N, C-alpha and C. Protein backbone atom coordinates (compact mmCIF):
# COMPACT_ATOMS: atom_id res chain seq x y z
N MET A 1 12.00 0.24 -3.77
CA MET A 1 11.99 0.33 -2.32
C MET A 1 10.65 -0.17 -1.80
N MET A 2 10.69 -0.96 -0.78
CA MET A 2 9.49 -1.52 -0.18
C MET A 2 8.82 -0.51 0.74
N PRO A 3 7.55 -0.20 0.50
CA PRO A 3 6.87 0.75 1.38
C PRO A 3 6.59 0.13 2.75
N PHE A 4 6.58 0.97 3.78
CA PHE A 4 6.27 0.51 5.13
C PHE A 4 4.81 0.07 5.16
N ILE A 5 4.55 -1.12 5.68
CA ILE A 5 3.19 -1.64 5.80
C ILE A 5 2.81 -1.64 7.28
N PRO A 6 1.76 -0.89 7.65
CA PRO A 6 1.34 -0.91 9.05
C PRO A 6 0.97 -2.33 9.50
N GLU A 7 1.34 -2.67 10.70
CA GLU A 7 1.11 -4.02 11.23
C GLU A 7 -0.37 -4.41 11.19
N GLU A 8 -1.26 -3.46 11.50
CA GLU A 8 -2.70 -3.74 11.52
C GLU A 8 -3.24 -4.07 10.13
N LEU A 9 -2.53 -3.61 9.10
CA LEU A 9 -2.98 -3.78 7.72
C LEU A 9 -2.40 -5.04 7.09
N ALA A 10 -1.25 -5.46 7.54
CA ALA A 10 -0.50 -6.55 6.88
C ALA A 10 -1.29 -7.85 6.73
N SER A 11 -2.05 -8.22 7.73
CA SER A 11 -2.76 -9.51 7.65
C SER A 11 -3.93 -9.49 6.67
N TYR A 12 -4.31 -8.32 6.18
CA TYR A 12 -5.41 -8.20 5.23
C TYR A 12 -4.94 -8.00 3.79
N LEU A 13 -3.63 -8.01 3.57
CA LEU A 13 -3.09 -7.77 2.24
C LEU A 13 -2.74 -9.06 1.52
N ILE A 14 -2.91 -9.02 0.20
CA ILE A 14 -2.51 -10.10 -0.69
C ILE A 14 -1.51 -9.51 -1.66
N ILE A 15 -0.38 -10.18 -1.87
CA ILE A 15 0.60 -9.71 -2.84
C ILE A 15 0.15 -10.14 -4.23
N VAL A 16 0.04 -9.16 -5.13
CA VAL A 16 -0.33 -9.42 -6.52
C VAL A 16 0.76 -8.85 -7.42
N GLU A 17 0.66 -9.10 -8.71
CA GLU A 17 1.71 -8.70 -9.65
C GLU A 17 2.00 -7.20 -9.59
N GLY A 18 0.98 -6.37 -9.49
CA GLY A 18 1.18 -4.93 -9.50
C GLY A 18 1.40 -4.31 -8.14
N GLY A 19 1.44 -5.09 -7.08
CA GLY A 19 1.63 -4.54 -5.75
C GLY A 19 0.86 -5.33 -4.71
N TYR A 20 -0.13 -4.67 -4.11
CA TYR A 20 -0.92 -5.30 -3.05
C TYR A 20 -2.41 -5.13 -3.32
N LYS A 21 -3.17 -6.06 -2.79
CA LYS A 21 -4.62 -6.03 -2.91
C LYS A 21 -5.20 -6.34 -1.54
N LEU A 22 -6.32 -5.72 -1.23
CA LEU A 22 -6.98 -5.95 0.05
C LEU A 22 -7.87 -7.19 -0.05
N LYS A 23 -7.81 -8.06 0.96
CA LYS A 23 -8.64 -9.26 0.97
C LYS A 23 -10.11 -8.89 1.04
N GLU A 24 -10.95 -9.73 0.45
CA GLU A 24 -12.39 -9.52 0.53
C GLU A 24 -12.85 -9.73 1.96
N GLY A 25 -13.85 -8.97 2.37
CA GLY A 25 -14.39 -9.12 3.71
C GLY A 25 -13.62 -8.38 4.78
N ALA A 26 -12.69 -7.51 4.37
CA ALA A 26 -11.93 -6.74 5.36
C ALA A 26 -12.87 -5.73 6.02
N PRO A 27 -12.68 -5.45 7.31
CA PRO A 27 -13.53 -4.49 8.01
C PRO A 27 -13.39 -3.08 7.42
N ASP A 28 -14.40 -2.25 7.64
CA ASP A 28 -14.40 -0.90 7.08
C ASP A 28 -13.21 -0.07 7.55
N ASN A 29 -12.81 -0.22 8.82
CA ASN A 29 -11.67 0.57 9.30
C ASN A 29 -10.38 0.17 8.58
N VAL A 30 -10.27 -1.10 8.20
CA VAL A 30 -9.09 -1.56 7.46
C VAL A 30 -9.14 -1.04 6.02
N LYS A 31 -10.33 -0.98 5.44
CA LYS A 31 -10.48 -0.43 4.09
C LYS A 31 -10.05 1.03 4.06
N LYS A 32 -10.44 1.80 5.08
CA LYS A 32 -10.04 3.21 5.16
C LYS A 32 -8.53 3.32 5.33
N MET A 33 -7.96 2.47 6.19
CA MET A 33 -6.52 2.48 6.42
C MET A 33 -5.77 2.13 5.13
N PHE A 34 -6.30 1.17 4.37
CA PHE A 34 -5.68 0.77 3.11
C PHE A 34 -5.70 1.92 2.11
N SER A 35 -6.84 2.61 2.01
CA SER A 35 -6.95 3.74 1.09
C SER A 35 -5.95 4.83 1.44
N ALA A 36 -5.84 5.14 2.72
CA ALA A 36 -4.88 6.16 3.18
C ALA A 36 -3.45 5.71 2.89
N TRP A 37 -3.17 4.44 3.10
CA TRP A 37 -1.83 3.91 2.86
C TRP A 37 -1.48 3.98 1.37
N VAL A 38 -2.43 3.65 0.50
CA VAL A 38 -2.20 3.71 -0.95
C VAL A 38 -1.89 5.14 -1.37
N LYS A 39 -2.65 6.10 -0.84
CA LYS A 39 -2.39 7.52 -1.16
C LYS A 39 -1.00 7.93 -0.72
N GLU A 40 -0.59 7.50 0.47
CA GLU A 40 0.73 7.84 0.99
C GLU A 40 1.84 7.24 0.11
N VAL A 41 1.66 5.98 -0.29
CA VAL A 41 2.65 5.31 -1.14
C VAL A 41 2.74 6.01 -2.49
N LYS A 42 1.62 6.37 -3.09
CA LYS A 42 1.63 7.07 -4.38
C LYS A 42 2.32 8.42 -4.26
N LYS A 43 2.08 9.11 -3.15
CA LYS A 43 2.72 10.41 -2.92
C LYS A 43 4.23 10.23 -2.83
N LEU A 44 4.67 9.23 -2.08
CA LEU A 44 6.11 8.96 -1.94
C LEU A 44 6.74 8.57 -3.28
N GLU A 45 6.01 7.78 -4.07
CA GLU A 45 6.52 7.39 -5.38
C GLU A 45 6.66 8.59 -6.30
N SER A 46 5.73 9.54 -6.22
CA SER A 46 5.79 10.71 -7.09
C SER A 46 6.93 11.64 -6.70
N GLU A 47 7.40 11.54 -5.45
CA GLU A 47 8.49 12.38 -4.98
C GLU A 47 9.86 11.78 -5.27
N GLN A 48 9.90 10.53 -5.69
CA GLN A 48 11.19 9.87 -5.96
C GLN A 48 11.82 10.43 -7.23
N VAL A 49 13.11 10.50 -7.22
CA VAL A 49 13.87 10.92 -8.39
C VAL A 49 14.46 9.68 -9.03
N ILE A 50 14.24 9.53 -10.31
CA ILE A 50 14.76 8.38 -11.03
C ILE A 50 16.02 8.82 -11.78
N ILE A 51 17.10 8.12 -11.53
CA ILE A 51 18.37 8.43 -12.17
C ILE A 51 18.62 7.40 -13.26
N LYS A 52 18.79 7.89 -14.48
CA LYS A 52 19.07 7.00 -15.61
C LYS A 52 20.54 7.11 -15.96
N ARG A 53 21.13 5.99 -16.29
CA ARG A 53 22.55 5.99 -16.67
C ARG A 53 22.70 5.80 -18.14
């Protein structure tokens, strides 16, 4: 499932093999927003139930 990406954050993200990376030179407020977003995504991932067949 694709996590919701805040519009203010999207232009500073780079898609990499393992997910997303923040571009170099991003402003401090964007760095804080990215850190909070990563924590939220990890929390949501930990709450997911994986069903194996």
